């Protein structure tokens, strides 16, 4: 399965939140580089961040989803 990076983040918490949002919307996210980012303070910046990836067939729709405004629950 070919994975495409839809966003790079420098915080593990933010990367996991983004992956959770994608998963809740029906996508199949994977995090690349999270363990390296957690191994040492500042290492995430040095390695280019944590890549949030999805299967190639979902990439365009996942980017659109991430770029759309978040509506609060009422």
C-alpha atoms as a PDB file:
ATOM      1  CA  UNK A   1       0.000   0.000   0.000  1.00  0.00           C
ATOM      2  CA  UNK A   2       1.429   3.373  -1.013  1.00  0.00           C
ATOM      3  CA  UNK A   3       1.170   5.986   1.738  1.00  0.00           C
ATOM      4  CA  UNK A   4       1.095   9.713   1.031  1.00  0.00           C
ATOM      5  CA  UNK A   5       2.006  12.379   3.584  1.00  0.00           C
ATOM      6  CA  UNK A   6      -0.889  14.802   4.016  1.00  0.00           C
ATOM      7  CA  UNK A   7       0.729  16.955   6.722  1.00  0.00           C
ATOM      8  CA  UNK A   8       3.895  17.245   8.845  1.00  0.00           C
ATOM      9  CA  UNK A   9       3.620  18.192  12.509  1.00  0.00           C
ATOM     10  CA  UNK A  10       6.245  18.738  15.200  1.00  0.00           C
ATOM     11  CA  UNK A  11       4.178  17.706  18.218  1.00  0.00           C
ATOM     12  CA  UNK A  12       3.265  14.098  18.947  1.00  0.00           C
ATOM     13  CA  UNK A  13       0.031  15.230  20.594  1.00  0.00           C
ATOM     14  CA  UNK A  14      -0.967  17.282  17.549  1.00  0.00           C
ATOM     15  CA  UNK A  15      -0.046  14.438  15.181  1.00  0.00           C
ATOM     16  CA  UNK A  16      -2.148  11.973  17.180  1.00  0.00           C
ATOM     17  CA  UNK A  17      -5.073  14.406  17.317  1.00  0.00           C
ATOM     18  CA  UNK A  18      -4.880  14.868  13.536  1.00  0.00           C
ATOM     19  CA  UNK A  19      -4.717  11.106  13.003  1.00  0.00           C
ATOM     20  CA  UNK A  20      -7.733  10.663  15.303  1.00  0.00           C
ATOM     21  CA  UNK A  21      -9.717  13.260  13.350  1.00  0.00           C
ATOM     22  CA  UNK A  22      -8.879  11.495  10.100  1.00  0.00           C
ATOM     23  CA  UNK A  23      -9.782   8.091  11.511  1.00  0.00           C
ATOM     24  CA  UNK A  24     -13.111   9.381  12.858  1.00  0.00           C
ATOM     25  CA  UNK A  25     -13.875  10.699   9.364  1.00  0.00           C
ATOM     26  CA  UNK A  26     -13.282   7.266   7.819  1.00  0.00           C
ATOM     27  CA  UNK A  27      -9.677   7.635   6.652  1.00  0.00           C
ATOM     28  CA  UNK A  28      -6.862   5.206   7.468  1.00  0.00           C
ATOM     29  CA  UNK A  29      -4.017   7.337   8.888  1.00  0.00           C
ATOM     30  CA  UNK A  30      -0.495   6.259   9.828  1.00  0.00           C
ATOM     31  CA  UNK A  31       2.136   8.238  11.728  1.00  0.00           C
ATOM     32  CA  UNK A  32       5.706   8.127  10.449  1.00  0.00           C
ATOM     33  CA  UNK A  33       8.567   9.350  12.615  1.00  0.00           C
ATOM     34  CA  UNK A  34       6.663   9.615  15.884  1.00  0.00           C
ATOM     35  CA  UNK A  35       9.028   7.398  17.883  1.00  0.00           C
ATOM     36  CA  UNK A  36      12.068   9.331  16.682  1.00  0.00           C
ATOM     37  CA  UNK A  37      10.366  12.583  17.652  1.00  0.00           C
ATOM     38  CA  UNK A  38       9.658  11.239  21.151  1.00  0.00           C
ATOM     39  CA  UNK A  39      13.208   9.982  21.727  1.00  0.00           C
ATOM     40  CA  UNK A  40      14.774  13.394  22.406  1.00  0.00           C
ATOM     41  CA  UNK A  41      13.552  16.973  22.881  1.00  0.00           C
ATOM     42  CA  UNK A  42      13.828  18.921  19.649  1.00  0.00           C
ATOM     43  CA  UNK A  43      14.544  15.821  17.570  1.00  0.00           C
ATOM     44  CA  UNK A  44      11.214  16.174  15.774  1.00  0.00           C
ATOM     45  CA  UNK A  45      12.373  19.473  14.307  1.00  0.00           C
ATOM     46  CA  UNK A  46      15.691  17.973  13.211  1.00  0.00           C
ATOM     47  CA  UNK A  47      14.031  15.037  11.446  1.00  0.00           C
ATOM     48  CA  UNK A  48      11.415  17.113   9.630  1.00  0.00           C
ATOM     49  CA  UNK A  49       8.544  16.367  11.971  1.00  0.00           C
ATOM     50  CA  UNK A  50       6.002  13.602  12.277  1.00  0.00           C
ATOM     51  CA  UNK A  51       4.385  12.702   8.971  1.00  0.00           C
ATOM     52  CA  UNK A  52       0.659  12.002   8.980  1.00  0.00           C
ATOM     53  CA  UNK A  53       0.091   9.647   6.068  1.00  0.00           C
ATOM     54  CA  UNK A  54      -2.911   8.018   4.416  1.00  0.00           C
ATOM     55  CA  UNK A  55      -3.255   5.542   1.543  1.00  0.00           C
ATOM     56  CA  UNK A  56      -2.707   7.200  -1.845  1.00  0.00           C
ATOM     57  CA  UNK A  57      -6.364   6.774  -2.824  1.00  0.00           C
ATOM     58  CA  UNK A  58      -7.421   8.852   0.197  1.00  0.00           C
ATOM     59  CA  UNK A  59      -4.789  11.599   0.017  1.00  0.00           C
ATOM     60  CA  UNK A  60      -6.656  14.315  -1.895  1.00  0.00           C
ATOM     61  CA  UNK A  61      -9.828  13.933   0.146  1.00  0.00           C
ATOM     62  CA  UNK A  62      -7.857  13.785   3.425  1.00  0.00           C
ATOM     63  CA  UNK A  63      -6.029  17.040   2.600  1.00  0.00           C
ATOM     64  CA  UNK A  64      -9.354  18.687   1.780  1.00  0.00           C
ATOM     65  CA  UNK A  65     -10.785  17.424   5.078  1.00  0.00           C
ATOM     66  CA  UNK A  66      -7.814  18.752   7.070  1.00  0.00           C
ATOM     67  CA  UNK A  67      -8.009  22.141   5.345  1.00  0.00           C
ATOM     68  CA  UNK A  68     -11.730  22.561   6.025  1.00  0.00           C
ATOM     69  CA  UNK A  69     -12.771  24.562   9.105  1.00  0.00           C
ATOM     70  CA  UNK A  70     -13.547  22.617  12.256  1.00  0.00           C
ATOM     71  CA  UNK A  71     -17.115  23.189  13.424  1.00  0.00           C
ATOM     72  CA  UNK A  72     -17.681  23.062  17.179  1.00  0.00           C
ATOM     73  CA  UNK A  73     -20.184  20.645  18.659  1.00  0.00           C
ATOM     74  CA  UNK A  74     -23.245  22.213  20.204  1.00  0.00           C
END
